[in-house]
Amino acid sequence: MVELKMHKVLFISAFHPGARGSIGAGEAICGDNLKKHVNNGSQVDVIVISPATQYENPEIKALCHSYEV
């Protein structure tokens, strides 16, 4: 019998100058990296500090236990 342990992962991201577009598209919160943690059974929470020129990524948000911008 294989025992699975749940891990908790917290991503904290800040914008870079001139940031625009969807959060999580290859920036500090890399979507592929986040998906890897979720697929391994981790609970993922995200905190993002960003300007109004960036917006939530619904695909990434759907994977997270919590997602705060």
C-alpha atoms as a PDB file:
ATOM      1  CA  MET A   1       0.000   0.000   0.000  1.00  0.00           C
ATOM      2  CA  VAL A   2       1.326   3.415  -0.972  1.00  0.00           C
ATOM      3  CA  GLU A   3       0.822   6.224   1.510  1.00  0.00           C
ATOM      4  CA  LEU A   4       0.229   9.630  -0.043  1.00  0.00           C
ATOM      5  CA  LYS A   5       1.104  12.723   1.943  1.00  0.00           C
ATOM      6  CA  MET A   6      -0.552  16.035   1.236  1.00  0.00           C
ATOM      7  CA  HIS A   7       1.792  18.946   0.986  1.00  0.00           C
ATOM      8  CA  LYS A   8       0.847  22.575   1.134  1.00  0.00           C
ATOM      9  CA  VAL A   9       2.463  24.923  -1.366  1.00  0.00           C
ATOM     10  CA  LEU A  10       2.255  28.715  -1.160  1.00  0.00           C
ATOM     11  CA  PHE A  11       3.145  30.778  -4.218  1.00  0.00           C
ATOM     12  CA  ILE A  12       3.760  34.468  -3.545  1.00  0.00           C
ATOM     13  CA  SER A  13       4.247  36.572  -6.640  1.00  0.00           C
ATOM     14  CA  ALA A  14       4.862  40.235  -7.316  1.00  0.00           C
ATOM     15  CA  PHE A  15       4.599  41.963 -10.663  1.00  0.00           C
ATOM     16  CA  HIS A  16       7.495  43.204 -12.738  1.00  0.00           C
ATOM     17  CA  PRO A  17       7.609  46.751 -14.185  1.00  0.00           C
ATOM     18  CA  GLY A  18       5.318  47.099 -17.184  1.00  0.00           C
ATOM     19  CA  ALA A  19       3.411  43.932 -16.305  1.00  0.00           C
ATOM     20  CA  ARG A  20       0.311  43.352 -18.413  1.00  0.00           C
ATOM     21  CA  GLY A  21      -2.006  40.460 -19.103  1.00  0.00           C
ATOM     22  CA  SER A  22      -2.864  37.242 -17.378  1.00  0.00           C
ATOM     23  CA  ILE A  23      -1.111  36.260 -14.154  1.00  0.00           C
ATOM     24  CA  GLY A  24       0.530  32.842 -14.308  1.00  0.00           C
ATOM     25  CA  ALA A  25       1.573  32.776 -17.936  1.00  0.00           C
ATOM     26  CA  GLY A  26       5.279  32.070 -17.522  1.00  0.00           C
ATOM     27  CA  GLU A  27       5.883  34.601 -14.770  1.00  0.00           C
ATOM     28  CA  ALA A  28       6.697  33.903 -11.131  1.00  0.00           C
ATOM     29  CA  ILE A  29       3.664  31.648 -10.928  1.00  0.00           C
ATOM     30  CA  CYS A  30       4.438  29.292 -13.763  1.00  0.00           C
ATOM     31  CA  GLY A  31       1.280  27.417 -14.695  1.00  0.00           C
ATOM     32  CA  ASP A  32       3.146  24.190 -15.509  1.00  0.00           C
ATOM     33  CA  ASN A  33       4.947  24.221 -12.164  1.00  0.00           C
ATOM     34  CA  LEU A  34       1.717  24.861 -10.283  1.00  0.00           C
ATOM     35  CA  LYS A  35      -0.056  22.035 -12.171  1.00  0.00           C
ATOM     36  CA  LYS A  36       2.784  19.677 -11.233  1.00  0.00           C
ATOM     37  CA  HIS A  37       2.194  20.359  -7.538  1.00  0.00           C
ATOM     38  CA  VAL A  38      -1.577  19.897  -7.891  1.00  0.00           C
ATOM     39  CA  ASN A  39      -1.128  16.641  -9.827  1.00  0.00           C
ATOM     40  CA  ASN A  40       1.146  15.389  -7.039  1.00  0.00           C
ATOM     41  CA  GLY A  41      -1.668  15.945  -4.535  1.00  0.00           C
ATOM     42  CA  SER A  42      -0.475  19.226  -3.054  1.00  0.00           C
ATOM     43  CA  GLN A  43      -2.808  21.922  -1.806  1.00  0.00           C
ATOM     44  CA  VAL A  44      -1.777  25.111  -3.581  1.00  0.00           C
ATOM     45  CA  ASP A  45      -2.467  28.622  -2.321  1.00  0.00           C
ATOM     46  CA  VAL A  46      -1.530  31.740  -4.292  1.00  0.00           C
ATOM     47  CA  ILE A  47      -1.016  35.356  -3.218  1.00  0.00           C
ATOM     48  CA  VAL A  48      -0.345  37.881  -5.988  1.00  0.00           C
ATOM     49  CA  ILE A  49       0.639  41.541  -5.648  1.00  0.00           C
ATOM     50  CA  SER A  50      -0.086  43.105  -9.025  1.00  0.00           C
ATOM     51  CA  PRO A  51      -1.174  46.331 -10.715  1.00  0.00           C
ATOM     52  CA  ALA A  52      -4.561  46.788 -12.359  1.00  0.00           C
ATOM     53  CA  THR A  53      -2.956  46.001 -15.741  1.00  0.00           C
ATOM     54  CA  GLN A  54      -2.789  42.342 -14.741  1.00  0.00           C
ATOM     55  CA  TYR A  55      -5.761  40.089 -14.125  1.00  0.00           C
ATOM     56  CA  GLU A  56      -6.555  36.697 -12.667  1.00  0.00           C
ATOM     57  CA  ASN A  57      -5.940  33.639 -14.793  1.00  0.00           C
ATOM     58  CA  PRO A  58      -9.159  31.577 -14.434  1.00  0.00           C
ATOM     59  CA  GLU A  59      -7.444  28.346 -15.511  1.00  0.00           C
ATOM     60  CA  ILE A  60      -4.759  28.731 -12.847  1.00  0.00           C
ATOM     61  CA  LYS A  61      -7.233  29.954 -10.228  1.00  0.00           C
ATOM     62  CA  ALA A  62      -9.385  26.841 -10.746  1.00  0.00           C
ATOM     63  CA  LEU A  63      -6.459  24.632  -9.688  1.00  0.00           C
ATOM     64  CA  CYS A  64      -5.839  26.472  -6.422  1.00  0.00           C
ATOM     65  CA  HIS A  65      -7.203  25.994  -2.944  1.00  0.00           C
ATOM     66  CA  SER A  66      -7.094  29.785  -2.620  1.00  0.00           C
ATOM     67  CA  TYR A  67      -6.039  32.546  -5.015  1.00  0.00           C
ATOM     68  CA  GLU A  68      -5.828  36.139  -3.800  1.00  0.00           C
ATOM     69  CA  VAL A  69      -4.867  39.117  -5.960  1.00  0.00           C
END
